[in-house]
């Protein structure tokens, strides 16, 4: 009986160690994916800021043109 219990405990410990190794490996892989996702997110945020800056500049130029055109129509 004791031998059987010890064998079961030994098997359970081995199973737990194997599962722990698998989870450790999976955790490391997920950590790498997270780091890549954070880097991509940062890159996309910078790109968005640059695009918003360009759009703001374009909008200001268009507004100035509209105002000039309107002033030309009113002055004519």
C-alpha atoms as a PDB file:
ATOM      1  CA  UNK A   1       0.000   0.000   0.000  1.00  0.00           C
ATOM      2  CA  UNK A   2       2.746   2.427   0.973  1.00  0.00           C
ATOM      3  CA  UNK A   3       4.745   1.522  -2.129  1.00  0.00           C
ATOM      4  CA  UNK A   4       1.700   2.138  -4.302  1.00  0.00           C
ATOM      5  CA  UNK A   5       1.078   5.527  -2.674  1.00  0.00           C
ATOM      6  CA  UNK A   6       4.702   6.514  -3.111  1.00  0.00           C
ATOM      7  CA  UNK A   7       4.563   5.521  -6.773  1.00  0.00           C
ATOM      8  CA  UNK A   8       1.442   7.623  -7.265  1.00  0.00           C
ATOM      9  CA  UNK A   9       3.026  10.608  -5.518  1.00  0.00           C
ATOM     10  CA  UNK A  10       6.178  10.201  -7.605  1.00  0.00           C
ATOM     11  CA  UNK A  11       4.117  10.129 -10.806  1.00  0.00           C
ATOM     12  CA  UNK A  12       2.126  13.188  -9.740  1.00  0.00           C
ATOM     13  CA  UNK A  13       5.306  15.102  -8.905  1.00  0.00           C
ATOM     14  CA  UNK A  14       6.768  14.187 -12.296  1.00  0.00           C
ATOM     15  CA  UNK A  15       3.555  15.302 -14.021  1.00  0.00           C
ATOM     16  CA  UNK A  16       3.619  18.596 -12.122  1.00  0.00           C
ATOM     17  CA  UNK A  17       7.262  19.209 -12.989  1.00  0.00           C
ATOM     18  CA  UNK A  18       6.558  18.528 -16.656  1.00  0.00           C
ATOM     19  CA  UNK A  19       3.528  20.828 -16.633  1.00  0.00           C
ATOM     20  CA  UNK A  20       5.589  23.506 -14.871  1.00  0.00           C
ATOM     21  CA  UNK A  21       8.263  23.274 -17.569  1.00  0.00           C
ATOM     22  CA  UNK A  22       5.617  23.608 -20.288  1.00  0.00           C
ATOM     23  CA  UNK A  23       4.032  26.606 -18.587  1.00  0.00           C
ATOM     24  CA  UNK A  24       7.423  28.253 -18.051  1.00  0.00           C
ATOM     25  CA  UNK A  25       8.186  27.868 -21.755  1.00  0.00           C
ATOM     26  CA  UNK A  26       4.758  29.182 -22.716  1.00  0.00           C
ATOM     27  CA  UNK A  27       5.179  32.129 -20.352  1.00  0.00           C
ATOM     28  CA  UNK A  28       8.517  33.030 -21.946  1.00  0.00           C
ATOM     29  CA  UNK A  29       6.972  32.887 -25.424  1.00  0.00           C
ATOM     30  CA  UNK A  30       4.079  35.083 -24.324  1.00  0.00           C
ATOM     31  CA  UNK A  31       6.543  37.524 -22.785  1.00  0.00           C
ATOM     32  CA  UNK A  32       8.313  37.818 -26.133  1.00  0.00           C
ATOM     33  CA  UNK A  33       5.009  38.320 -27.956  1.00  0.00           C
ATOM     34  CA  UNK A  34       4.044  41.007 -25.462  1.00  0.00           C
ATOM     35  CA  UNK A  35       7.344  42.825 -25.950  1.00  0.00           C
ATOM     36  CA  UNK A  36       6.862  42.747 -29.725  1.00  0.00           C
ATOM     37  CA  UNK A  37       3.273  43.973 -29.411  1.00  0.00           C
ATOM     38  CA  UNK A  38       4.389  46.839 -27.155  1.00  0.00           C
ATOM     39  CA  UNK A  39       7.076  47.824 -29.650  1.00  0.00           C
ATOM     40  CA  UNK A  40       4.611  47.702 -32.549  1.00  0.00           C
ATOM     41  CA  UNK A  41       2.104  49.729 -30.537  1.00  0.00           C
ATOM     42  CA  UNK A  42       4.714  52.397 -29.821  1.00  0.00           C
ATOM     43  CA  UNK A  43       5.663  52.546 -33.495  1.00  0.00           C
ATOM     44  CA  UNK A  44       2.019  52.880 -34.528  1.00  0.00           C
ATOM     45  CA  UNK A  45       1.423  55.625 -31.964  1.00  0.00           C
ATOM     46  CA  UNK A  46       4.392  57.592 -33.274  1.00  0.00           C
ATOM     47  CA  UNK A  47       3.172  57.125 -36.825  1.00  0.00           C
ATOM     48  CA  UNK A  48      -0.280  58.303 -35.830  1.00  0.00           C
ATOM     49  CA  UNK A  49       1.144  61.415 -34.173  1.00  0.00           C
ATOM     50  CA  UNK A  50       3.160  62.213 -37.298  1.00  0.00           C
ATOM     51  CA  UNK A  51       0.084  61.708 -39.489  1.00  0.00           C
ATOM     52  CA  UNK A  52      -2.037  63.917 -37.251  1.00  0.00           C
ATOM     53  CA  UNK A  53       0.637  66.604 -37.444  1.00  0.00           C
ATOM     54  CA  UNK A  54       0.660  66.404 -41.241  1.00  0.00           C
ATOM     55  CA  UNK A  55      -3.134  66.483 -41.351  1.00  0.00           C
ATOM     56  CA  UNK A  56      -3.191  69.518 -39.083  1.00  0.00           C
ATOM     57  CA  UNK A  57      -0.748  71.313 -41.324  1.00  0.00           C
ATOM     58  CA  UNK A  58      -2.757  70.425 -44.409  1.00  0.00           C
ATOM     59  CA  UNK A  59      -5.978  71.568 -42.752  1.00  0.00           C
ATOM     60  CA  UNK A  60      -4.392  74.899 -41.817  1.00  0.00           C
ATOM     61  CA  UNK A  61      -3.207  75.437 -45.398  1.00  0.00           C
ATOM     62  CA  UNK A  62      -6.636  74.566 -46.782  1.00  0.00           C
ATOM     63  CA  UNK A  63      -8.309  76.908 -44.318  1.00  0.00           C
ATOM     64  CA  UNK A  64      -5.964  79.709 -45.356  1.00  0.00           C
ATOM     65  CA  UNK A  65      -6.783  79.073 -49.024  1.00  0.00           C
ATOM     66  CA  UNK A  66     -10.513  79.085 -48.315  1.00  0.00           C
ATOM     67  CA  UNK A  67     -10.165  82.357 -46.430  1.00  0.00           C
ATOM     68  CA  UNK A  68      -8.176  83.894 -49.297  1.00  0.00           C
ATOM     69  CA  UNK A  69     -10.742  82.691 -51.820  1.00  0.00           C
ATOM     70  CA  UNK A  70     -13.564  84.044 -49.691  1.00  0.00           C
ATOM     71  CA  UNK A  71     -11.814  87.378 -49.286  1.00  0.00           C
ATOM     72  CA  UNK A  72     -11.339  87.528 -53.071  1.00  0.00           C
ATOM     73  CA  UNK A  73     -15.030  86.852 -53.661  1.00  0.00           C
ATOM     74  CA  UNK A  74     -16.141  89.399 -51.079  1.00  0.00           C
ATOM     75  CA  UNK A  75     -13.657  92.001 -52.373  1.00  0.00           C
ATOM     76  CA  UNK A  76     -14.739  91.552 -55.996  1.00  0.00           C
END
